[in-house]
N, C-alpha and C. Protein backbone atom coordinates (compact mmCIF):
# COMPACT_ATOMS: atom_id res chain seq x y z
N MET A 1 -27.88 5.79 22.98
CA MET A 1 -27.33 6.03 21.64
C MET A 1 -28.65 5.31 20.32
N SER A 2 -28.99 6.27 19.77
CA SER A 2 -30.44 5.99 19.06
C SER A 2 -29.90 5.40 17.38
N LEU A 3 -29.95 4.10 16.42
CA LEU A 3 -29.73 4.09 14.97
C LEU A 3 -30.60 3.88 14.24
N ARG A 4 -31.05 4.41 13.04
CA ARG A 4 -32.19 4.12 12.13
C ARG A 4 -31.56 3.36 11.40
N LEU A 5 -31.83 1.85 11.02
CA LEU A 5 -31.45 1.30 9.55
C LEU A 5 -32.38 1.34 8.32
N THR A 6 -31.98 0.81 7.74
CA THR A 6 -32.80 0.06 6.72
C THR A 6 -33.66 -1.08 6.63
N GLU A 7 -35.09 -0.91 6.16
CA GLU A 7 -35.31 -1.95 6.75
C GLU A 7 -34.63 -3.22 6.27
N GLY A 8 -33.54 -3.47 5.03
CA GLY A 8 -32.38 -4.32 4.44
C GLY A 8 -31.92 -4.28 5.47
N LEU A 9 -31.45 -3.54 5.85
CA LEU A 9 -29.89 -3.90 7.09
C LEU A 9 -30.46 -4.52 7.96
N GLU A 10 -32.14 -3.80 8.63
CA GLU A 10 -32.16 -4.47 10.03
C GLU A 10 -33.14 -6.41 9.79
N GLN A 11 -33.64 -6.22 8.06
CA GLN A 11 -33.82 -7.80 8.04
C GLN A 11 -32.18 -8.83 8.53
N ARG A 12 -31.08 -7.79 7.96
CA ARG A 12 -30.13 -8.93 7.76
C ARG A 12 -29.22 -9.29 9.40
N LEU A 13 -29.20 -8.26 9.72
CA LEU A 13 -29.18 -8.18 11.20
C LEU A 13 -29.87 -9.16 12.07
N ALA A 14 -31.17 -9.05 12.32
CA ALA A 14 -32.18 -9.78 12.70
C ALA A 14 -32.08 -11.36 12.58
N GLU A 15 -31.48 -12.01 10.68
CA GLU A 15 -31.57 -12.91 10.89
C GLU A 15 -29.71 -13.26 11.06
N GLU A 16 -29.16 -12.21 10.97
CA GLU A 16 -27.40 -12.91 11.55
C GLU A 16 -27.82 -13.27 13.19
N ALA A 17 -28.10 -13.13 14.04
CA ALA A 17 -28.93 -12.56 15.45
C ALA A 17 -29.37 -13.41 15.47
N LYS A 18 -30.65 -13.95 14.38
CA LYS A 18 -30.76 -15.54 15.10
C LYS A 18 -29.96 -17.08 14.81
N ILE A 19 -28.91 -16.72 13.53
CA ILE A 19 -28.18 -17.56 13.43
C ILE A 19 -27.19 -18.17 14.61
N GLU A 20 -26.80 -16.29 15.62
CA GLU A 20 -25.42 -16.26 15.71
C GLU A 20 -26.36 -16.57 17.72
N ARG A 21 -27.18 -16.59 17.46
CA ARG A 21 -28.26 -16.54 18.79
C ARG A 21 -27.68 -15.25 20.11
N LYS A 22 -27.15 -14.08 19.36
CA LYS A 22 -27.20 -13.52 20.54
C LYS A 22 -27.72 -11.87 19.85
N PRO A 23 -27.82 -10.97 21.12
CA PRO A 23 -28.48 -9.75 20.56
C PRO A 23 -28.11 -8.63 19.40
N ARG A 24 -29.30 -8.07 19.02
CA ARG A 24 -28.82 -7.27 17.37
C ARG A 24 -28.10 -6.46 17.75
N SER A 25 -28.20 -6.02 19.36
CA SER A 25 -27.35 -5.10 19.82
C SER A 25 -25.81 -5.16 20.13
N GLU A 26 -25.62 -6.56 20.30
CA GLU A 26 -24.06 -7.02 21.10
C GLU A 26 -23.70 -7.27 19.55
N LEU A 27 -24.79 -7.63 18.42
CA LEU A 27 -23.58 -8.06 16.79
C LEU A 27 -23.24 -7.16 16.40
N VAL A 28 -24.16 -5.23 16.58
CA VAL A 28 -23.78 -4.29 16.26
C VAL A 28 -22.25 -3.64 16.85
N ARG A 29 -23.10 -4.03 18.80
CA ARG A 29 -21.32 -3.79 19.00
C ARG A 29 -19.89 -4.34 17.78
N GLU A 30 -20.19 -5.45 18.43
CA GLU A 30 -19.30 -6.14 17.93
C GLU A 30 -18.66 -5.66 16.73
N ALA A 31 -19.50 -5.58 15.19
CA ALA A 31 -19.23 -5.02 14.37
C ALA A 31 -18.54 -3.49 14.19
N LEU A 32 -18.98 -2.92 14.97
CA LEU A 32 -18.25 -1.31 14.94
C LEU A 32 -16.78 -0.72 15.50
N ARG A 33 -17.10 -2.23 17.10
CA ARG A 33 -15.57 -2.25 17.64
C ARG A 33 -14.35 -3.09 15.68
N GLU A 34 -14.57 -3.93 15.36
CA GLU A 34 -13.95 -4.43 14.39
C GLU A 34 -14.04 -3.39 13.39
N PHE A 35 -14.95 -2.52 12.97
CA PHE A 35 -14.74 -1.55 12.20
C PHE A 35 -13.54 -0.53 12.54
N LEU A 36 -14.44 0.38 13.69
CA LEU A 36 -12.84 0.61 14.17
C LEU A 36 -11.28 0.71 14.00
N HIS A 37 -11.43 -0.22 14.68
CA HIS A 37 -9.86 -1.08 14.49
C HIS A 37 -9.49 -1.61 13.36
N ARG A 38 -10.56 -1.89 12.49
CA ARG A 38 -9.62 -1.75 11.10
C ARG A 38 -9.27 -0.61 10.87
N ARG A 39 -10.13 0.64 10.97
CA ARG A 39 -9.99 1.97 10.45
C ARG A 39 -8.79 3.04 10.88
N GLU A 40 -8.32 2.18 12.41
CA GLU A 40 -7.03 2.25 12.53
C GLU A 40 -5.85 1.93 11.69
N GLN A 41 -5.99 0.36 11.51
CA GLN A 41 -4.87 -0.07 11.15
C GLN A 41 -4.77 0.56 9.47
N GLU A 42 -5.69 1.27 9.14
CA GLU A 42 -5.32 1.43 8.00
C GLU A 42 -4.60 2.82 8.00
N ARG A 43 -5.79 3.47 9.24
CA ARG A 43 -4.47 5.20 8.69
C ARG A 43 -3.07 4.68 9.74
N PHE A 44 -2.41 3.99 10.44
CA PHE A 44 -2.13 3.02 10.76
C PHE A 44 -1.01 2.99 9.48
N MET A 45 -1.05 2.14 8.86
CA MET A 45 -0.76 1.60 7.53
C MET A 45 -0.58 2.56 6.47
N ALA A 46 -1.11 3.24 5.87
CA ALA A 46 -1.63 4.82 5.09
C ALA A 46 -0.07 5.53 5.96
N ALA A 47 0.10 5.88 7.28
CA ALA A 47 1.25 6.30 7.78
C ALA A 47 2.32 6.13 7.46
N MET A 48 2.84 4.21 7.39
CA MET A 48 3.54 4.12 7.52
C MET A 48 3.90 3.99 6.13
N VAL A 49 3.54 3.65 4.96
CA VAL A 49 3.76 3.98 3.67
C VAL A 49 4.09 4.77 3.61
N ALA A 50 3.43 6.28 3.75
CA ALA A 50 3.89 7.69 3.75
C ALA A 50 5.28 7.48 4.13
N GLU A 51 5.75 7.43 5.40
CA GLU A 51 7.08 7.50 6.03
C GLU A 51 8.15 6.66 4.68
N ALA A 52 7.56 5.13 4.15
CA ALA A 52 8.90 4.70 3.53
C ALA A 52 8.93 5.51 1.80
N LYS A 53 7.52 5.88 1.75
CA LYS A 53 7.68 7.16 0.37
C LYS A 53 8.80 7.80 0.91
N GLN A 54 8.46 8.26 1.65
CA GLN A 54 9.04 9.63 2.09
C GLN A 54 11.08 9.54 2.05
N ALA A 55 10.96 8.33 2.78
CA ALA A 55 12.06 7.34 3.59
C ALA A 55 13.06 7.50 1.71
N TYR A 56 12.41 6.31 0.80
CA TYR A 56 12.90 5.92 -0.26
C TYR A 56 13.75 6.90 -1.61
N GLY A 57 12.41 8.60 -0.85
CA GLY A 57 12.48 9.31 -2.79
C GLY A 57 14.90 9.74 -1.52
N ASP A 58 15.10 9.44 -0.17
CA ASP A 58 16.42 9.84 0.20
C ASP A 58 17.24 9.06 -0.23
N PRO A 59 18.18 9.42 -1.19
CA PRO A 59 19.38 8.75 -0.97
C PRO A 59 20.40 8.17 -0.79
N GLU A 60 19.84 9.33 0.96
CA GLU A 60 21.27 8.29 1.65
C GLU A 60 20.63 7.64 3.04
N ILE A 61 19.17 7.59 2.97
CA ILE A 61 18.18 6.36 3.37
C ILE A 61 18.05 5.18 3.48
N ARG A 62 18.21 5.62 1.81
CA ARG A 62 17.96 4.05 0.97
C ARG A 62 19.60 3.54 0.99
N ARG A 63 20.58 4.20 1.09
CA ARG A 63 21.30 3.59 0.99
C ARG A 63 22.45 2.55 2.16
N GLU A 64 21.82 3.53 3.23
CA GLU A 64 22.01 2.97 4.69
C GLU A 64 21.10 1.58 5.26
N ALA A 65 19.89 1.42 4.28
CA ALA A 65 18.23 0.56 4.35
C ALA A 65 19.24 -0.26 3.71
N THR A 66 19.72 -0.35 1.98
CA THR A 66 20.68 -1.51 1.84
C THR A 66 21.58 -1.55 2.25
N ALA A 67 22.14 -0.67 2.87
CA ALA A 67 23.13 -1.63 3.60
C ALA A 67 23.81 -2.92 4.80
N ILE A 68 21.89 -2.43 5.72
CA ILE A 68 21.33 -2.50 6.40
C ILE A 68 20.93 -4.60 6.57
N ALA A 69 20.00 -4.38 5.07
CA ALA A 69 20.14 -5.83 5.32
C ALA A 69 20.45 -6.43 4.12
N GLU A 70 21.44 -5.52 3.59
CA GLU A 70 22.59 -6.90 2.86
C GLU A 70 23.89 -7.00 4.14
N GLU A 71 24.04 -6.49 5.56
CA GLU A 71 24.33 -7.36 6.60
C GLU A 71 23.27 -8.53 7.34
N CYS A 72 22.05 -8.09 7.06
CA CYS A 72 21.01 -9.12 8.00
C CYS A 72 20.91 -10.46 7.26
N LEU A 73 21.50 -10.25 6.05
CA LEU A 73 20.60 -11.22 5.21
C LEU A 73 21.70 -13.01 5.34
N PRO A 74 22.29 -12.45 5.42
CA PRO A 74 22.26 -14.33 6.14
C PRO A 74 21.87 -14.94 6.99
N PHE A 75 21.96 -13.86 8.12
CA PHE A 75 21.06 -14.52 9.78
C PHE A 75 19.78 -14.87 9.09
N ASP A 76 19.11 -13.29 8.35
CA ASP A 76 17.53 -14.22 7.95
C ASP A 76 17.64 -15.35 7.11
N ASN A 77 18.92 -15.87 5.92
CA ASN A 77 19.08 -17.20 5.25
C ASN A 77 19.39 -18.46 6.01
N GLU A 78 19.91 -18.12 7.20
CA GLU A 78 19.54 -18.83 8.71
C GLU A 78 18.90 -19.23 9.11
N SER A 79 17.92 -18.48 9.37
CA SER A 79 16.69 -18.79 9.47
C SER A 79 15.38 -19.04 8.68
N LEU A 80 15.34 -19.24 7.21
CA LEU A 80 14.74 -19.92 6.47
C LEU A 80 15.00 -20.91 6.99
N ASP A 81 16.28 -21.20 5.98
CA ASP A 81 16.95 -22.50 6.62
C ASP A 81 16.40 -23.64 7.66
N ILE A 82 16.39 -22.56 9.21
CA ILE A 82 16.48 -23.71 9.91
C ILE A 82 14.39 -23.76 9.78
N THR A 83 14.33 -22.90 9.35
CA THR A 83 12.34 -22.94 9.20
C THR A 83 11.88 -23.81 8.47
N GLU A 84 11.96 -23.97 7.21
CA GLU A 84 12.10 -25.21 6.51
C GLU A 84 12.89 -26.61 7.21
N GLY A 85 13.66 -26.60 7.82
CA GLY A 85 13.45 -27.84 8.46
C GLY A 85 14.44 -28.09 7.58
N ARG A 86 15.25 -27.17 7.58
CA ARG A 86 17.36 -27.39 6.79
C ARG A 86 18.58 -26.90 8.14
N ARG A 87 19.88 -27.99 7.27
CA ARG A 87 20.68 -27.10 8.23
C ARG A 87 21.12 -25.83 7.84
N PRO A 88 21.18 -24.57 8.39
CA PRO A 88 21.83 -23.94 8.31
C PRO A 88 22.83 -23.81 7.27
N GLY A 89 22.71 -23.13 5.86
CA GLY A 89 23.92 -23.33 4.33
C GLY A 89 23.49 -24.53 4.04
N GLU A 90 22.39 -25.22 4.24
CA GLU A 90 22.45 -26.61 3.75
C GLU A 90 21.39 -26.13 2.64
N PRO A 91 21.35 -27.22 0.53
CA PRO A 91 21.01 -26.29 -0.14
C PRO A 91 19.15 -26.84 0.00
N GLY A 92 18.86 -25.54 -0.64
CA GLY A 92 17.45 -26.17 -0.60
C GLY A 92 16.79 -26.58 -1.56
N PRO A 93 15.23 -26.71 -1.35
CA PRO A 93 14.84 -28.32 -2.62
C PRO A 93 14.87 -27.48 -4.40
N GLU A 94 15.00 -26.10 -4.49
CA GLU A 94 15.47 -25.52 -5.99
C GLU A 94 16.24 -26.86 -5.96
N ALA A 95 17.13 -26.42 -5.48
CA ALA A 95 18.54 -27.10 -5.82
C ALA A 95 19.22 -27.99 -6.06
N SER A 96 18.58 -28.87 -5.91
CA SER A 96 17.85 -30.44 -5.92
C SER A 96 16.68 -31.15 -7.35
N GLY A 97 16.07 -30.19 -7.57
CA GLY A 97 14.78 -30.37 -8.37
C GLY A 97 13.63 -31.01 -7.82
N GLU A 98 14.21 -30.67 -6.61
CA GLU A 98 13.17 -30.45 -5.80
C GLU A 98 11.45 -29.75 -6.09
N LYS A 99 10.12 -29.81 -6.30
CA LYS A 99 9.65 -28.63 -5.96
C LYS A 99 9.01 -28.30 -4.53
N TRP A 100 9.26 -26.84 -4.66
CA TRP A 100 9.34 -26.30 -3.00
C TRP A 100 8.08 -26.84 -2.71
N TRP A 101 6.85 -27.24 -3.35
CA TRP A 101 6.47 -27.08 -2.34
C TRP A 101 5.52 -28.58 -2.59
N ARG A 102 5.39 -29.95 -1.61
CA ARG A 102 4.93 -30.76 -0.62
C ARG A 102 3.58 -31.59 -0.18
């Protein structure tokens, strides 16, 4: 594969290669790999958003999702308490007037 770069881009690549002490071709491969990975993630997220929007428009699916979320809320709260270093059900710092940041 051959690739023509603008003079400015070629100069920036050469400078980065010098700083990183890597061949330019290796930097280009890394950049291309990261670019393709990011594009795949963007497509995946766009598909998930489209599915979510479609599901959100369906009242039955929305009711079912709300019911599931309500069932899981106590477990989420318990996990949050544990993560924040409290016993499950123990009041958080906001209840005692403490700042949530320490």
